[in-house]
Amino acid sequence: MSRYLEAIYYMWFEKEPLRSARLADWLGVSRPTVAVGLRRMARDGLVRMNGRKEIELTPSGMRSAESIVRRHRIMERWLTDGLGLDWVTADAEAARLEHAVSDVVEQRLYEVLGRPMTCPHGNPIPGYSEASPREERLSSLAPGQGATITRVSEVAEREAPLLLAYLSQRDLTPGREVSVEETDVVGKTLRVRVAERDVTLSHETASKIWAVPRGKS
């Protein structure tokens, strides 16, 4: 059930509607398979359905999901900071390794890495940090607005891993200053300025980037 818990946590964190059909798409399995899995998780007290027919993690389910995500993000930091792997490779390898790491090794890695607050893509490590309440999706900013990139959506990491490489190559990474130069409502694109060059993004891609607008209190 770890894959289910992890996926539900990511969608919850990104404020996506948590419906079984969406979860099936994320996991790449059939809807009946997801229905069976959710019934088992509900029986075990990990999830429940709210009045809008959306999936919710119970307190027990949230603790389990946070544990899985925390380990994954610490592994990503070790693979990038310690071994020098790129974003895409580190994410894939962390998914393979996280299930074989004990609590003792996880804590030791965290300490050796200098107690990082986020994964390489800027997403907070549960239990150690939280997302900024001031951040907004880059796609929601108006022309002329500037911002500091805080993180790349975990949804992008899992559903479009090539997007990680695309953003990295264009310096659209956590900590970078970016300004929206132009938006095309019809074409659903926006042109941004980052690292002294212009980059055109689709609205969908820009929605996967979170940033704190300059001057926002």
N, C-alpha and C. Protein backbone atom coordinates (compact mmCIF):
# COMPACT_ATOMS: atom_id res chain seq x y z
N MET A 1 0.80 -1.21 0.00
CA MET A 1 0.00 0.00 0.00
C MET A 1 0.85 1.28 0.00
N SER A 2 2.16 1.11 0.07
CA SER A 2 3.03 2.29 0.16
C SER A 2 2.89 3.20 -1.06
N ARG A 3 2.75 2.60 -2.25
CA ARG A 3 2.60 3.42 -3.46
C ARG A 3 1.32 4.24 -3.40
N TYR A 4 0.26 3.64 -2.89
CA TYR A 4 -1.01 4.35 -2.77
C TYR A 4 -0.88 5.51 -1.78
N LEU A 5 -0.29 5.23 -0.63
CA LEU A 5 -0.14 6.28 0.38
C LEU A 5 0.70 7.44 -0.14
N GLU A 6 1.78 7.10 -0.82
CA GLU A 6 2.68 8.13 -1.35
C GLU A 6 1.96 9.00 -2.39
N ALA A 7 1.24 8.35 -3.30
CA ALA A 7 0.53 9.09 -4.35
C ALA A 7 -0.57 9.97 -3.76
N ILE A 8 -1.32 9.45 -2.81
CA ILE A 8 -2.39 10.23 -2.18
C ILE A 8 -1.80 11.44 -1.46
N TYR A 9 -0.68 11.24 -0.79
CA TYR A 9 -0.03 12.35 -0.08
C TYR A 9 0.39 13.44 -1.07
N TYR A 10 1.01 13.04 -2.18
CA TYR A 10 1.47 14.03 -3.16
C TYR A 10 0.31 14.83 -3.73
N MET A 11 -0.78 14.15 -4.06
CA MET A 11 -1.93 14.85 -4.63
C MET A 11 -2.57 15.77 -3.59
N TRP A 12 -2.64 15.31 -2.36
CA TRP A 12 -3.17 16.15 -1.28
C TRP A 12 -2.30 17.39 -1.10
N PHE A 13 -0.99 17.21 -1.11
CA PHE A 13 -0.06 18.32 -0.91
C PHE A 13 -0.18 19.35 -2.03
N GLU A 14 -0.45 18.87 -3.25
CA GLU A 14 -0.58 19.77 -4.40
C GLU A 14 -1.99 20.31 -4.56
N LYS A 15 -2.86 19.99 -3.60
CA LYS A 15 -4.25 20.49 -3.60
C LYS A 15 -5.03 20.00 -4.81
N GLU A 16 -4.75 18.78 -5.24
CA GLU A 16 -5.50 18.18 -6.34
C GLU A 16 -6.71 17.42 -5.78
N PRO A 17 -7.81 17.35 -6.55
CA PRO A 17 -8.96 16.55 -6.11
C PRO A 17 -8.54 15.09 -5.97
N LEU A 18 -8.81 14.52 -4.82
CA LEU A 18 -8.37 13.15 -4.55
C LEU A 18 -9.48 12.15 -4.88
N ARG A 19 -9.60 11.84 -6.15
CA ARG A 19 -10.61 10.89 -6.60
C ARG A 19 -9.94 9.60 -7.08
N SER A 20 -10.68 8.51 -6.99
CA SER A 20 -10.10 7.20 -7.31
C SER A 20 -9.66 7.12 -8.77
N ALA A 21 -10.39 7.77 -9.68
CA ALA A 21 -10.00 7.74 -11.10
C ALA A 21 -8.65 8.42 -11.30
N ARG A 22 -8.45 9.53 -10.61
CA ARG A 22 -7.18 10.26 -10.71
C ARG A 22 -6.05 9.42 -10.12
N LEU A 23 -6.32 8.74 -9.03
CA LEU A 23 -5.32 7.88 -8.40
C LEU A 23 -4.94 6.73 -9.33
N ALA A 24 -5.92 6.17 -10.02
CA ALA A 24 -5.65 5.08 -10.97
C ALA A 24 -4.74 5.56 -12.09
N ASP A 25 -5.00 6.76 -12.60
CA ASP A 25 -4.15 7.33 -13.65
C ASP A 25 -2.72 7.51 -13.15
N TRP A 26 -2.60 8.02 -11.94
CA TRP A 26 -1.28 8.28 -11.35
C TRP A 26 -0.48 6.98 -11.22
N LEU A 27 -1.15 5.94 -10.71
CA LEU A 27 -0.47 4.68 -10.44
C LEU A 27 -0.33 3.80 -11.68
N GLY A 28 -1.07 4.13 -12.74
CA GLY A 28 -1.01 3.33 -13.95
C GLY A 28 -1.68 1.98 -13.81
N VAL A 29 -2.77 1.95 -13.04
CA VAL A 29 -3.51 0.70 -12.86
C VAL A 29 -4.98 0.97 -13.17
N SER A 30 -5.77 -0.10 -13.21
CA SER A 30 -7.19 0.05 -13.55
C SER A 30 -7.97 0.61 -12.36
N ARG A 31 -9.13 1.16 -12.65
CA ARG A 31 -9.97 1.70 -11.58
C ARG A 31 -10.47 0.61 -10.63
N PRO A 32 -10.84 -0.57 -11.15
CA PRO A 32 -11.23 -1.64 -10.22
C PRO A 32 -10.09 -2.03 -9.27
N THR A 33 -8.86 -2.01 -9.78
CA THR A 33 -7.71 -2.34 -8.92
C THR A 33 -7.57 -1.31 -7.81
N VAL A 34 -7.74 -0.04 -8.15
CA VAL A 34 -7.67 1.02 -7.14
C VAL A 34 -8.80 0.87 -6.13
N ALA A 35 -9.99 0.52 -6.61
CA ALA A 35 -11.13 0.36 -5.70
C ALA A 35 -10.85 -0.72 -4.66
N VAL A 36 -10.25 -1.82 -5.11
CA VAL A 36 -9.90 -2.91 -4.18
C VAL A 36 -8.86 -2.43 -3.17
N GLY A 37 -7.86 -1.72 -3.67
CA GLY A 37 -6.81 -1.22 -2.79
C GLY A 37 -7.34 -0.25 -1.75
N LEU A 38 -8.24 0.65 -2.17
CA LEU A 38 -8.80 1.63 -1.25
C LEU A 38 -9.68 0.97 -0.19
N ARG A 39 -10.41 -0.07 -0.59
CA ARG A 39 -11.22 -0.79 0.41
C ARG A 39 -10.34 -1.43 1.47
N ARG A 40 -9.22 -1.98 1.03
CA ARG A 40 -8.29 -2.60 1.97
C ARG A 40 -7.68 -1.53 2.91
N MET A 41 -7.35 -0.38 2.34
CA MET A 41 -6.77 0.69 3.14
C MET A 41 -7.80 1.27 4.12
N ALA A 42 -9.05 1.35 3.69
CA ALA A 42 -10.11 1.83 4.58
C ALA A 42 -10.31 0.84 5.73
N ARG A 43 -10.25 -0.44 5.41
CA ARG A 43 -10.38 -1.47 6.44
C ARG A 43 -9.26 -1.37 7.47
N ASP A 44 -8.06 -0.99 6.99
CA ASP A 44 -6.90 -0.87 7.87
C ASP A 44 -6.82 0.49 8.56
N GLY A 45 -7.81 1.35 8.30
CA GLY A 45 -7.85 2.64 8.98
C GLY A 45 -6.90 3.68 8.42
N LEU A 46 -6.52 3.54 7.14
CA LEU A 46 -5.55 4.47 6.54
C LEU A 46 -6.22 5.58 5.73
N VAL A 47 -7.38 5.29 5.13
CA VAL A 47 -8.09 6.28 4.33
C VAL A 47 -9.58 6.22 4.63
N ARG A 48 -10.28 7.27 4.18
CA ARG A 48 -11.74 7.31 4.25
C ARG A 48 -12.22 8.17 3.10
N MET A 49 -13.50 8.08 2.78
CA MET A 49 -14.09 8.90 1.72
C MET A 49 -14.92 10.00 2.38
N ASN A 50 -14.75 11.24 1.89
CA ASN A 50 -15.54 12.33 2.46
C ASN A 50 -16.87 12.47 1.72
N GLY A 51 -17.64 13.50 2.06
CA GLY A 51 -18.96 13.68 1.47
C GLY A 51 -18.93 14.00 -0.01
N ARG A 52 -17.77 14.43 -0.53
CA ARG A 52 -17.63 14.74 -1.96
C ARG A 52 -17.06 13.56 -2.74
N LYS A 53 -17.03 12.40 -2.10
CA LYS A 53 -16.49 11.18 -2.72
C LYS A 53 -15.01 11.31 -3.03
N GLU A 54 -14.31 12.10 -2.22
CA GLU A 54 -12.87 12.25 -2.37
C GLU A 54 -12.15 11.46 -1.28
N ILE A 55 -10.95 11.01 -1.61
CA ILE A 55 -10.16 10.21 -0.67
C ILE A 55 -9.50 11.12 0.35
N GLU A 56 -9.52 10.72 1.60
CA GLU A 56 -8.82 11.44 2.66
C GLU A 56 -7.95 10.48 3.44
N LEU A 57 -6.77 10.93 3.80
CA LEU A 57 -5.92 10.15 4.69
C LEU A 57 -6.39 10.34 6.12
N THR A 58 -6.50 9.27 6.86
CA THR A 58 -6.79 9.36 8.29
C THR A 58 -5.52 9.81 9.00
N PRO A 59 -5.59 10.19 10.27
CA PRO A 59 -4.35 10.54 10.99
C PRO A 59 -3.30 9.43 10.91
N SER A 60 -3.74 8.18 11.01
CA SER A 60 -2.81 7.06 10.90
C SER A 60 -2.23 6.97 9.49
N GLY A 61 -3.09 7.16 8.49
CA GLY A 61 -2.63 7.13 7.11
C GLY A 61 -1.67 8.26 6.80
N MET A 62 -1.93 9.44 7.37
CA MET A 62 -1.04 10.58 7.15
C MET A 62 0.33 10.32 7.75
N ARG A 63 0.38 9.75 8.94
CA ARG A 63 1.67 9.44 9.56
C ARG A 63 2.46 8.44 8.71
N SER A 64 1.77 7.44 8.20
CA SER A 64 2.44 6.43 7.36
C SER A 64 2.94 7.06 6.06
N ALA A 65 2.10 7.90 5.45
CA ALA A 65 2.48 8.54 4.19
C ALA A 65 3.66 9.48 4.39
N GLU A 66 3.64 10.25 5.46
CA GLU A 66 4.74 11.18 5.74
C GLU A 66 6.05 10.43 5.94
N SER A 67 5.98 9.27 6.58
CA SER A 67 7.18 8.47 6.79
C SER A 67 7.78 8.01 5.46
N ILE A 68 6.92 7.59 4.54
CA ILE A 68 7.38 7.13 3.22
C ILE A 68 7.99 8.29 2.44
N VAL A 69 7.30 9.43 2.42
CA VAL A 69 7.77 10.59 1.67
C VAL A 69 9.06 11.14 2.27
N ARG A 70 9.13 11.18 3.59
CA ARG A 70 10.35 11.67 4.25
C ARG A 70 11.56 10.84 3.83
N ARG A 71 11.41 9.53 3.85
CA ARG A 71 12.52 8.66 3.48
C ARG A 71 12.91 8.86 2.01
N HIS A 72 11.91 8.99 1.15
CA HIS A 72 12.19 9.19 -0.27
C HIS A 72 12.99 10.47 -0.50
N ARG A 73 12.58 11.54 0.15
CA ARG A 73 13.23 12.83 -0.08
C ARG A 73 14.63 12.89 0.52
N ILE A 74 14.83 12.22 1.63
CA ILE A 74 16.18 12.14 2.20
C ILE A 74 17.09 11.33 1.27
N MET A 75 16.56 10.25 0.71
CA MET A 75 17.34 9.45 -0.23
C MET A 75 17.69 10.27 -1.47
N GLU A 76 16.75 11.08 -1.95
CA GLU A 76 17.03 11.94 -3.10
C GLU A 76 18.18 12.90 -2.80
N ARG A 77 18.17 13.46 -1.60
CA ARG A 77 19.24 14.40 -1.24
C ARG A 77 20.59 13.70 -1.21
N TRP A 78 20.62 12.49 -0.67
CA TRP A 78 21.88 11.74 -0.63
C TRP A 78 22.37 11.43 -2.04
N LEU A 79 21.45 11.03 -2.91
CA LEU A 79 21.83 10.65 -4.27
C LEU A 79 22.31 11.85 -5.10
N THR A 80 21.73 13.03 -4.84
CA THR A 80 22.17 14.22 -5.59
C THR A 80 23.36 14.89 -4.91
N ASP A 81 23.25 15.14 -3.61
CA ASP A 81 24.31 15.87 -2.90
C ASP A 81 25.54 15.00 -2.64
N GLY A 82 25.29 13.73 -2.31
CA GLY A 82 26.40 12.85 -1.97
C GLY A 82 27.02 12.13 -3.14
N LEU A 83 26.17 11.66 -4.07
CA LEU A 83 26.67 10.87 -5.20
C LEU A 83 26.69 11.63 -6.52
N GLY A 84 26.11 12.82 -6.53
CA GLY A 84 26.19 13.65 -7.73
C GLY A 84 25.27 13.24 -8.87
N LEU A 85 24.20 12.50 -8.56
CA LEU A 85 23.26 12.11 -9.62
C LEU A 85 22.37 13.30 -10.00
N ASP A 86 21.87 13.28 -11.23
CA ASP A 86 20.97 14.35 -11.66
C ASP A 86 19.58 14.13 -11.06
N TRP A 87 18.74 15.14 -11.18
CA TRP A 87 17.40 15.10 -10.60
C TRP A 87 16.61 13.86 -11.00
N VAL A 88 16.54 13.61 -12.30
CA VAL A 88 15.69 12.53 -12.82
C VAL A 88 16.17 11.17 -12.32
N THR A 89 17.47 10.92 -12.42
CA THR A 89 18.02 9.64 -11.99
C THR A 89 17.85 9.46 -10.49
N ALA A 90 18.09 10.53 -9.72
CA ALA A 90 17.98 10.44 -8.27
C ALA A 90 16.56 10.11 -7.84
N ASP A 91 15.57 10.69 -8.50
CA ASP A 91 14.17 10.43 -8.15
C ASP A 91 13.83 8.96 -8.39
N ALA A 92 14.25 8.44 -9.54
CA ALA A 92 13.97 7.04 -9.88
C ALA A 92 14.68 6.08 -8.93
N GLU A 93 15.95 6.37 -8.63
CA GLU A 93 16.72 5.49 -7.76
C GLU A 93 16.20 5.55 -6.31
N ALA A 94 15.78 6.72 -5.88
CA ALA A 94 15.24 6.85 -4.52
C ALA A 94 13.99 5.99 -4.36
N ALA A 95 13.17 5.92 -5.41
CA ALA A 95 11.96 5.10 -5.36
C ALA A 95 12.30 3.62 -5.21
N ARG A 96 13.44 3.22 -5.76
CA ARG A 96 13.86 1.81 -5.65
C ARG A 96 14.49 1.52 -4.29
N LEU A 97 15.22 2.48 -3.75
CA LEU A 97 16.00 2.25 -2.54
C LEU A 97 15.25 2.49 -1.24
N GLU A 98 14.24 3.35 -1.28
CA GLU A 98 13.61 3.81 -0.04
C GLU A 98 13.03 2.68 0.80
N HIS A 99 12.58 1.60 0.15
CA HIS A 99 11.95 0.51 0.88
C HIS A 99 12.96 -0.39 1.59
N ALA A 100 14.24 -0.23 1.24
CA ALA A 100 15.27 -1.09 1.83
C ALA A 100 16.06 -0.39 2.92
N VAL A 101 15.66 0.85 3.25
CA VAL A 101 16.41 1.64 4.23
C VAL A 101 15.71 1.60 5.58
N SER A 102 16.46 1.30 6.63
CA SER A 102 15.90 1.25 7.97
C SER A 102 15.77 2.65 8.56
N ASP A 103 15.03 2.76 9.67
CA ASP A 103 14.89 4.04 10.35
C ASP A 103 16.26 4.56 10.82
N VAL A 104 17.11 3.63 11.25
CA VAL A 104 18.44 4.02 11.74
C VAL A 104 19.27 4.64 10.62
N VAL A 105 19.26 4.00 9.45
CA VAL A 105 20.03 4.51 8.31
C VAL A 105 19.44 5.83 7.82
N GLU A 106 18.12 5.91 7.79
CA GLU A 106 17.47 7.16 7.36
C GLU A 106 17.90 8.33 8.24
N GLN A 107 17.87 8.14 9.55
CA GLN A 107 18.23 9.21 10.46
C GLN A 107 19.71 9.58 10.33
N ARG A 108 20.55 8.56 10.14
CA ARG A 108 21.98 8.82 10.00
C ARG A 108 22.27 9.60 8.72
N LEU A 109 21.60 9.23 7.63
CA LEU A 109 21.77 9.95 6.37
C LEU A 109 21.35 11.41 6.54
N TYR A 110 20.24 11.61 7.21
CA TYR A 110 19.74 12.96 7.44
C TYR A 110 20.77 13.81 8.18
N GLU A 111 21.39 13.23 9.19
CA GLU A 111 22.39 13.96 9.97
C GLU A 111 23.64 14.23 9.14
N VAL A 112 24.12 13.21 8.42
CA VAL A 112 25.33 13.34 7.61
C VAL A 112 25.16 14.39 6.51
N LEU A 113 23.95 14.50 5.98
CA LEU A 113 23.67 15.45 4.91
C LEU A 113 23.51 16.89 5.42
N GLY A 114 23.61 17.06 6.73
CA GLY A 114 23.49 18.41 7.28
C GLY A 114 22.07 18.83 7.58
N ARG A 115 21.20 17.85 7.81
CA ARG A 115 19.79 18.10 8.14
C ARG A 115 19.08 18.95 7.09
N PRO A 116 18.99 18.46 5.87
CA PRO A 116 18.32 19.22 4.81
C PRO A 116 16.83 19.42 5.10
N MET A 117 16.29 20.52 4.63
CA MET A 117 14.89 20.84 4.84
C MET A 117 13.99 20.41 3.69
N THR A 118 14.59 20.24 2.50
CA THR A 118 13.80 19.91 1.31
C THR A 118 14.49 18.85 0.48
N CYS A 119 13.74 18.30 -0.47
CA CYS A 119 14.33 17.42 -1.48
C CYS A 119 15.04 18.30 -2.50
N PRO A 120 15.77 17.75 -3.46
CA PRO A 120 16.49 18.58 -4.44
C PRO A 120 15.58 19.50 -5.25
N HIS A 121 14.30 19.15 -5.34
CA HIS A 121 13.37 19.96 -6.14
C HIS A 121 12.63 20.98 -5.30
N GLY A 122 13.03 21.09 -4.01
CA GLY A 122 12.46 22.12 -3.15
C GLY A 122 11.27 21.70 -2.31
N ASN A 123 10.79 20.47 -2.48
CA ASN A 123 9.63 20.03 -1.70
C ASN A 123 10.05 19.72 -0.26
N PRO A 124 9.30 20.21 0.72
CA PRO A 124 9.70 20.05 2.13
C PRO A 124 9.72 18.59 2.58
N ILE A 125 10.68 18.27 3.43
CA ILE A 125 10.78 16.94 4.00
C ILE A 125 9.84 16.88 5.20
N PRO A 126 8.81 16.03 5.17
CA PRO A 126 7.84 15.97 6.26
C PRO A 126 8.51 15.77 7.62
N GLY A 127 8.05 16.55 8.59
CA GLY A 127 8.61 16.45 9.93
C GLY A 127 9.75 17.40 10.18
N TYR A 128 10.31 17.97 9.10
CA TYR A 128 11.45 18.87 9.24
C TYR A 128 11.19 20.26 8.68
N SER A 129 10.26 20.39 7.76
CA SER A 129 9.94 21.71 7.20
C SER A 129 8.56 21.66 6.55
N GLU A 130 8.05 22.82 6.19
CA GLU A 130 6.75 22.94 5.54
C GLU A 130 6.85 23.88 4.36
N ALA A 131 5.90 23.77 3.44
CA ALA A 131 5.87 24.68 2.29
C ALA A 131 5.52 26.08 2.76
N SER A 132 6.04 27.08 2.07
CA SER A 132 5.73 28.47 2.41
C SER A 132 4.26 28.75 2.16
N PRO A 133 3.56 29.36 3.12
CA PRO A 133 2.15 29.70 2.91
C PRO A 133 1.97 30.81 1.87
N ARG A 134 3.06 31.46 1.47
CA ARG A 134 2.99 32.57 0.52
C ARG A 134 3.18 32.13 -0.93
N GLU A 135 3.54 30.88 -1.14
CA GLU A 135 3.86 30.46 -2.50
C GLU A 135 2.61 30.31 -3.36
N GLU A 136 2.79 30.54 -4.67
CA GLU A 136 1.73 30.42 -5.65
C GLU A 136 2.28 29.68 -6.87
N ARG A 137 1.37 29.14 -7.66
CA ARG A 137 1.81 28.52 -8.91
C ARG A 137 2.30 29.61 -9.86
N LEU A 138 3.38 29.33 -10.56
CA LEU A 138 3.93 30.31 -11.50
C LEU A 138 2.89 30.71 -12.54
N SER A 139 2.03 29.78 -12.90
CA SER A 139 1.01 30.04 -13.92
C SER A 139 -0.02 31.07 -13.47
N SER A 140 -0.10 31.33 -12.16
CA SER A 140 -1.10 32.28 -11.65
C SER A 140 -0.58 33.71 -11.60
N LEU A 141 0.71 33.93 -11.85
CA LEU A 141 1.27 35.27 -11.77
C LEU A 141 0.95 36.09 -13.02
N ALA A 142 0.83 37.39 -12.82
CA ALA A 142 0.50 38.30 -13.92
C ALA A 142 1.77 38.86 -14.55
N PRO A 143 1.68 39.32 -15.79
CA PRO A 143 2.85 39.95 -16.43
C PRO A 143 3.40 41.08 -15.57
N GLY A 144 4.71 41.13 -15.46
CA GLY A 144 5.36 42.15 -14.65
C GLY A 144 5.67 41.69 -13.24
N GLN A 145 5.06 40.59 -12.82
CA GLN A 145 5.33 40.09 -11.48
C GLN A 145 6.63 39.30 -11.43
N GLY A 146 7.37 39.50 -10.35
CA GLY A 146 8.58 38.73 -10.12
C GLY A 146 8.38 37.81 -8.94
N ALA A 147 9.18 36.76 -8.87
CA ALA A 147 9.03 35.80 -7.78
C ALA A 147 10.31 34.98 -7.62
N THR A 148 10.38 34.28 -6.50
CA THR A 148 11.48 33.35 -6.26
C THR A 148 10.92 31.94 -6.29
N ILE A 149 11.48 31.10 -7.14
CA ILE A 149 11.01 29.72 -7.24
C ILE A 149 11.32 28.98 -5.95
N THR A 150 10.32 28.28 -5.42
CA THR A 150 10.51 27.53 -4.18
C THR A 150 10.60 26.03 -4.42
N ARG A 151 9.80 25.51 -5.36
CA ARG A 151 9.81 24.07 -5.57
C ARG A 151 9.15 23.69 -6.88
N VAL A 152 9.44 22.46 -7.30
CA VAL A 152 8.80 21.86 -8.48
C VAL A 152 7.85 20.78 -7.98
N SER A 153 6.63 20.82 -8.45
CA SER A 153 5.60 19.90 -7.99
C SER A 153 6.03 18.44 -8.04
N GLU A 154 5.68 17.70 -7.00
CA GLU A 154 5.94 16.27 -6.97
C GLU A 154 5.15 15.55 -8.05
N VAL A 155 4.03 16.13 -8.44
CA VAL A 155 3.24 15.55 -9.53
C VAL A 155 4.06 15.53 -10.81
N ALA A 156 4.80 16.61 -11.05
CA ALA A 156 5.66 16.67 -12.23
C ALA A 156 6.76 15.62 -12.14
N GLU A 157 7.29 15.43 -10.94
CA GLU A 157 8.36 14.45 -10.76
C GLU A 157 7.91 13.06 -11.18
N ARG A 158 6.70 12.69 -10.78
CA ARG A 158 6.25 11.32 -11.00
C ARG A 158 5.57 11.11 -12.35
N GLU A 159 4.83 12.11 -12.83
CA GLU A 159 4.07 11.92 -14.06
C GLU A 159 4.86 12.29 -15.30
N ALA A 160 5.80 13.21 -15.17
CA ALA A 160 6.57 13.66 -16.33
C ALA A 160 8.02 13.86 -15.93
N PRO A 161 8.74 12.77 -15.67
CA PRO A 161 10.13 12.90 -15.20
C PRO A 161 11.02 13.69 -16.14
N LEU A 162 10.73 13.66 -17.46
CA LEU A 162 11.54 14.43 -18.39
C LEU A 162 11.39 15.93 -18.14
N LEU A 163 10.27 16.31 -17.52
CA LEU A 163 10.05 17.72 -17.21
C LEU A 163 11.10 18.22 -16.22
N LEU A 164 11.54 17.35 -15.32
CA LEU A 164 12.58 17.75 -14.36
C LEU A 164 13.85 18.17 -15.09
N ALA A 165 14.25 17.37 -16.07
CA ALA A 165 15.45 17.70 -16.84
C ALA A 165 15.24 18.98 -17.64
N TYR A 166 14.06 19.13 -18.21
CA TYR A 166 13.72 20.32 -18.99
C TYR A 166 13.85 21.58 -18.14
N LEU A 167 13.29 21.55 -16.94
CA LEU A 167 13.33 22.73 -16.07
C LEU A 167 14.74 23.00 -15.56
N SER A 168 15.46 21.94 -15.24
CA SER A 168 16.83 22.10 -14.76
C SER A 168 17.72 22.73 -15.82
N GLN A 169 17.57 22.29 -17.06
CA GLN A 169 18.38 22.83 -18.16
C GLN A 169 18.10 24.30 -18.42
N ARG A 170 16.92 24.76 -18.02
CA ARG A 170 16.53 26.16 -18.25
C ARG A 170 16.61 27.00 -16.97
N ASP A 171 17.28 26.46 -15.96
CA ASP A 171 17.52 27.17 -14.70
C ASP A 171 16.24 27.50 -13.93
N LEU A 172 15.17 26.77 -14.21
CA LEU A 172 13.93 26.97 -13.46
C LEU A 172 13.95 26.03 -12.26
N THR A 173 14.78 26.40 -11.29
CA THR A 173 15.05 25.56 -10.14
C THR A 173 14.86 26.35 -8.85
N PRO A 174 14.69 25.66 -7.71
CA PRO A 174 14.47 26.36 -6.44
C PRO A 174 15.57 27.39 -6.15
N GLY A 175 15.12 28.57 -5.70
CA GLY A 175 16.05 29.64 -5.36
C GLY A 175 16.25 30.65 -6.48
N ARG A 176 15.86 30.30 -7.70
CA ARG A 176 16.04 31.20 -8.83
C ARG A 176 15.00 32.32 -8.82
N GLU A 177 15.46 33.52 -9.19
CA GLU A 177 14.55 34.65 -9.38
C GLU A 177 13.98 34.57 -10.79
N VAL A 178 12.68 34.80 -10.91
CA VAL A 178 12.01 34.71 -12.20
C VAL A 178 10.99 35.83 -12.30
N SER A 179 10.77 36.33 -13.51
CA SER A 179 9.73 37.34 -13.71
C SER A 179 8.89 36.95 -14.91
N VAL A 180 7.60 37.21 -14.81
CA VAL A 180 6.68 36.90 -15.91
C VAL A 180 6.69 38.08 -16.87
N GLU A 181 7.09 37.83 -18.10
CA GLU A 181 7.19 38.89 -19.11
C GLU A 181 5.91 39.04 -19.91
N GLU A 182 5.26 37.92 -20.22
CA GLU A 182 4.09 37.97 -21.09
C GLU A 182 3.26 36.71 -20.91
N THR A 183 1.94 36.85 -20.99
CA THR A 183 1.06 35.68 -20.97
C THR A 183 0.21 35.68 -22.23
N ASP A 184 -0.01 34.49 -22.77
CA ASP A 184 -0.84 34.31 -23.96
C ASP A 184 -2.05 33.49 -23.53
N VAL A 185 -3.16 34.16 -23.32
CA VAL A 185 -4.36 33.49 -22.82
C VAL A 185 -4.90 32.50 -23.84
N VAL A 186 -4.85 32.87 -25.12
CA VAL A 186 -5.37 31.99 -26.17
C VAL A 186 -4.47 30.77 -26.36
N GLY A 187 -3.17 31.02 -26.47
CA GLY A 187 -2.23 29.92 -26.66
C GLY A 187 -1.89 29.18 -25.39
N LYS A 188 -2.34 29.71 -24.25
CA LYS A 188 -2.11 29.11 -22.94
C LYS A 188 -0.61 28.91 -22.68
N THR A 189 0.14 29.98 -22.90
CA THR A 189 1.57 29.96 -22.61
C THR A 189 1.94 31.22 -21.84
N LEU A 190 3.11 31.21 -21.23
CA LEU A 190 3.65 32.43 -20.65
C LEU A 190 5.15 32.45 -20.86
N ARG A 191 5.65 33.66 -21.04
CA ARG A 191 7.09 33.86 -21.25
C ARG A 191 7.66 34.45 -19.98
N VAL A 192 8.71 33.79 -19.48
CA VAL A 192 9.33 34.24 -18.24
C VAL A 192 10.79 34.56 -18.49
N ARG A 193 11.34 35.38 -17.61
CA ARG A 193 12.74 35.75 -17.66
C ARG A 193 13.45 35.12 -16.47
N VAL A 194 14.47 34.32 -16.75
CA VAL A 194 15.22 33.66 -15.69
C VAL A 194 16.67 33.51 -16.13
N ALA A 195 17.59 33.79 -15.24
CA ALA A 195 19.03 33.67 -15.54
C ALA A 195 19.40 34.40 -16.83
N GLU A 196 18.84 35.60 -16.99
CA GLU A 196 19.15 36.49 -18.12
C GLU A 196 18.76 35.92 -19.48
N ARG A 197 17.72 35.11 -19.50
CA ARG A 197 17.20 34.65 -20.79
C ARG A 197 15.70 34.42 -20.67
N ASP A 198 15.02 34.45 -21.82
CA ASP A 198 13.58 34.23 -21.86
C ASP A 198 13.28 32.76 -22.11
N VAL A 199 12.27 32.27 -21.41
CA VAL A 199 11.83 30.88 -21.58
C VAL A 199 10.31 30.89 -21.71
N THR A 200 9.81 30.22 -22.74
CA THR A 200 8.36 30.12 -22.93
C THR A 200 7.88 28.78 -22.40
N LEU A 201 6.86 28.83 -21.55
CA LEU A 201 6.32 27.63 -20.92
C LEU A 201 4.83 27.50 -21.23
N SER A 202 4.37 26.27 -21.32
CA SER A 202 2.93 26.06 -21.41
C SER A 202 2.33 26.37 -20.05
N HIS A 203 1.05 26.68 -20.04
CA HIS A 203 0.37 26.96 -18.77
C HIS A 203 0.45 25.74 -17.85
N GLU A 204 0.34 24.55 -18.44
CA GLU A 204 0.39 23.33 -17.64
C GLU A 204 1.75 23.15 -16.97
N THR A 205 2.82 23.40 -17.73
CA THR A 205 4.16 23.28 -17.16
C THR A 205 4.37 24.32 -16.06
N ALA A 206 3.94 25.56 -16.32
CA ALA A 206 4.11 26.62 -15.33
C ALA A 206 3.34 26.33 -14.04
N SER A 207 2.25 25.57 -14.16
CA SER A 207 1.45 25.25 -12.97
C SER A 207 2.16 24.26 -12.07
N LYS A 208 3.21 23.61 -12.58
CA LYS A 208 3.97 22.65 -11.79
C LYS A 208 5.11 23.31 -11.02
N ILE A 209 5.28 24.62 -11.22
CA ILE A 209 6.35 25.37 -10.54
C ILE A 209 5.71 26.29 -9.51
N TRP A 210 6.19 26.19 -8.27
CA TRP A 210 5.68 27.04 -7.20
C TRP A 210 6.71 28.11 -6.87
N ALA A 211 6.22 29.32 -6.59
CA ALA A 211 7.13 30.44 -6.32
C ALA A 211 6.48 31.42 -5.35
N VAL A 212 7.32 32.17 -4.64
CA VAL A 212 6.83 33.21 -3.74
C VAL A 212 6.99 34.55 -4.44
N PRO A 213 5.88 35.23 -4.73
CA PRO A 213 5.95 36.54 -5.40
C PRO A 213 6.76 37.54 -4.59
N ARG A 214 7.55 38.35 -5.26
CA ARG A 214 8.34 39.37 -4.56
C ARG A 214 7.42 40.41 -3.93
N GLY A 215 7.73 40.74 -2.70
CA GLY A 215 6.94 41.76 -2.01
C GLY A 215 5.68 41.24 -1.36
N LYS A 216 5.40 39.92 -1.50
CA LYS A 216 4.19 39.38 -0.89
C LYS A 216 4.45 39.12 0.58
N SER A 217 3.56 39.62 1.42
CA SER A 217 3.74 39.45 2.87
C SER A 217 2.71 38.49 3.43
